[in-house]
């Protein structure tokens, strides 16, 4: 699936296709058009970006969708549908997600210019959200937990 970000083998293949399509030296295979390869890999990356678009938008958008996803994962854990408590690693997990997935993806989209002059804006939002999460995330996870407890006691 185009949005499967957990599959390491698929991630490696995507990275190799990107590097081939945007290589300094032209593609040697005459059956492959450089423009076709670029278009295909850019579309694939756009699909990936759409799956995590909240991370590349204003802080309040990111925080809103992050909370919804946390609540979904935490409810699954509390109901016995998930093995581990997501709150234990949510803070650090988000930092890693930004550092190893979101920001590299935003950089690729910025470098290829697919969004024109707006391309850099998405990268800036991703970097700003990562920095804000690093400062505030631990407290935010505590807020999520308190909010969850409040919701189930009502």
Protein backbone atom coordinates (compact mmCIF):
# COMPACT_ATOMS: atom_id res chain seq x y z
CA UNK A 1 0.00 0.00 0.00
CA UNK A 2 1.30 3.45 -0.88
CA UNK A 3 0.84 4.80 2.64
CA UNK A 4 2.40 1.84 4.47
CA UNK A 5 5.11 3.54 6.51
CA UNK A 6 5.91 0.55 8.72
CA UNK A 7 7.21 -1.71 5.92
CA UNK A 8 11.00 -1.20 5.97
CA UNK A 9 11.54 -3.05 2.68
CA UNK A 10 9.01 -0.85 0.92
CA UNK A 11 10.65 2.25 2.40
CA UNK A 12 14.03 1.12 1.08
CA UNK A 13 12.57 0.56 -2.39
CA UNK A 14 10.96 4.01 -2.34
CA UNK A 15 14.20 5.63 -1.32
CA UNK A 16 16.10 3.86 -4.11
CA UNK A 17 13.49 4.87 -6.70
CA UNK A 18 13.68 8.50 -5.52
CA UNK A 19 17.47 8.48 -5.76
CA UNK A 20 17.31 6.97 -9.24
CA UNK A 21 14.68 9.41 -10.51
CA UNK A 22 16.48 12.46 -9.12
CA UNK A 23 20.05 11.30 -9.75
CA UNK A 24 22.61 13.73 -11.14
CA UNK A 25 23.35 11.36 -14.03
CA UNK A 26 20.47 10.52 -16.35
CA UNK A 27 18.72 7.15 -16.31
CA UNK A 28 20.53 4.74 -18.64
CA UNK A 29 17.56 2.47 -19.39
CA UNK A 30 16.12 3.73 -22.71
CA UNK A 31 12.71 2.19 -21.91
CA UNK A 32 12.35 4.53 -18.93
CA UNK A 33 11.75 8.22 -19.36
CA UNK A 34 13.35 10.39 -16.70
CA UNK A 35 10.19 12.49 -16.53
CA UNK A 36 7.98 9.39 -16.17
CA UNK A 37 10.13 8.08 -13.32
CA UNK A 38 10.08 11.43 -11.57
CA UNK A 39 6.32 11.81 -11.97
CA UNK A 40 5.68 8.33 -10.63
CA UNK A 41 7.89 8.68 -7.57
CA UNK A 42 6.61 12.19 -6.81
CA UNK A 43 3.01 10.91 -6.90
CA UNK A 44 3.99 8.08 -4.58
CA UNK A 45 5.51 10.58 -2.15
CA UNK A 46 2.45 12.84 -2.40
CA UNK A 47 0.30 9.89 -1.33
CA UNK A 48 2.62 9.33 1.62
CA UNK A 49 2.44 13.03 2.51
CA UNK A 50 -1.34 13.00 2.36
CA UNK A 51 -1.35 10.27 5.01
CA UNK A 52 0.65 12.46 7.42
CA UNK A 53 -0.39 15.89 6.19
CA UNK A 54 -1.36 17.01 9.68
CA UNK A 55 2.33 16.97 10.61
CA UNK A 56 3.08 19.54 7.90
CA UNK A 57 0.40 22.04 8.87
CA UNK A 58 -0.06 24.60 11.62
CA UNK A 59 0.66 23.42 15.20
CA UNK A 60 -3.00 23.35 16.25
CA UNK A 61 -3.88 21.12 13.27
CA UNK A 62 -1.04 18.75 14.10
CA UNK A 63 -1.95 18.65 17.77
CA UNK A 64 -5.64 18.03 17.05
CA UNK A 65 -4.97 15.02 14.81
CA UNK A 66 -2.19 13.74 17.03
CA UNK A 67 -4.61 13.71 19.95
CA UNK A 68 -7.27 11.87 17.93
CA UNK A 69 -4.76 9.21 16.91
CA UNK A 70 -3.45 8.91 20.48
CA UNK A 71 -6.99 8.49 21.84
CA UNK A 72 -7.73 5.81 19.25
CA UNK A 73 -4.55 3.90 20.13
CA UNK A 74 -5.01 4.33 23.87
CA UNK A 75 -8.65 3.20 23.74
CA UNK A 76 -7.55 0.11 21.81
CA UNK A 77 -4.96 -0.61 24.50
CA UNK A 78 -7.46 -0.14 27.33
CA UNK A 79 -9.94 -2.42 25.54
CA UNK A 80 -7.31 -5.15 25.14
CA UNK A 81 -6.97 -4.73 21.36
CA UNK A 82 -3.37 -3.49 21.59
CA UNK A 83 -0.49 -5.11 23.45
CA UNK A 84 1.34 -2.05 24.69
CA UNK A 85 0.43 1.24 26.31
CA UNK A 86 1.06 3.90 23.63
CA UNK A 87 1.54 6.60 26.26
CA UNK A 88 4.86 5.13 27.35
CA UNK A 89 6.56 5.90 24.03
CA UNK A 90 4.28 8.49 22.41
CA UNK A 91 6.50 11.47 23.16
CA UNK A 92 9.74 9.92 21.88
CA UNK A 93 7.93 8.15 19.07
CA UNK A 94 6.66 11.42 17.65
CA UNK A 95 10.16 12.91 17.69
CA UNK A 96 11.49 9.89 15.82
CA UNK A 97 8.56 10.04 13.41
CA UNK A 98 9.40 13.66 12.58
CA UNK A 99 13.15 13.05 12.37
CA UNK A 100 13.14 9.87 10.30
CA UNK A 101 9.95 10.10 8.25
CA UNK A 102 8.09 13.42 8.13
CA UNK A 103 10.96 15.88 7.78
CA UNK A 104 12.87 13.77 5.20
CA UNK A 105 9.61 13.42 3.23
CA UNK A 106 8.95 17.17 3.43
CA UNK A 107 12.52 17.84 2.29
CA UNK A 108 12.07 15.63 -0.75
CA UNK A 109 8.84 17.37 -1.68
CA UNK A 110 10.49 20.74 -1.13
CA UNK A 111 13.52 19.82 -3.26
CA UNK A 112 11.45 18.59 -6.20
CA UNK A 113 9.24 21.69 -6.03
CA UNK A 114 5.97 19.82 -6.46
CA UNK A 115 4.06 22.45 -4.44
CA UNK A 116 5.80 25.39 -6.07
CA UNK A 117 6.52 28.26 -3.72
CA UNK A 118 4.50 26.55 -0.97
CA UNK A 119 6.83 23.54 -0.85
CA UNK A 120 9.11 25.11 1.72
CA UNK A 121 6.13 26.07 3.88
CA UNK A 122 5.30 22.41 4.53
CA UNK A 123 8.88 21.68 5.51
CA UNK A 124 8.88 24.69 7.86
CA UNK A 125 5.66 23.51 9.52
CA UNK A 126 7.08 20.00 9.97
CA UNK A 127 10.27 21.34 11.55
CA UNK A 128 8.37 23.81 13.76
CA UNK A 129 5.93 21.12 14.90
CA UNK A 130 8.82 18.82 15.74
CA UNK A 131 10.48 21.54 17.79
CA UNK A 132 7.23 22.44 19.56
CA UNK A 133 6.57 18.76 20.29
CA UNK A 134 10.09 18.39 21.72
CA UNK A 135 9.35 21.30 24.09
CA UNK A 136 5.75 20.52 25.00
CA UNK A 137 5.10 16.89 24.08
CA UNK A 138 5.67 15.24 27.43
CA UNK A 139 3.12 17.54 29.05
CA UNK A 140 0.73 17.08 26.14
CA UNK A 141 0.79 13.30 26.55
CA UNK A 142 -0.12 13.79 30.22
CA UNK A 143 -2.99 16.04 29.09
CA UNK A 144 -4.15 13.34 26.65
CA UNK A 145 -4.19 10.78 29.47
CA UNK A 146 -6.12 13.08 31.78
CA UNK A 147 -8.60 13.86 29.03
CA UNK A 148 -9.08 10.16 28.32
CA UNK A 149 -9.72 9.41 31.98
CA UNK A 150 -12.19 12.29 32.15
CA UNK A 151 -14.02 11.02 29.06
CA UNK A 152 -14.49 7.50 30.39
CA UNK A 153 -15.71 8.65 33.81
CA UNK A 154 -18.50 10.78 32.39
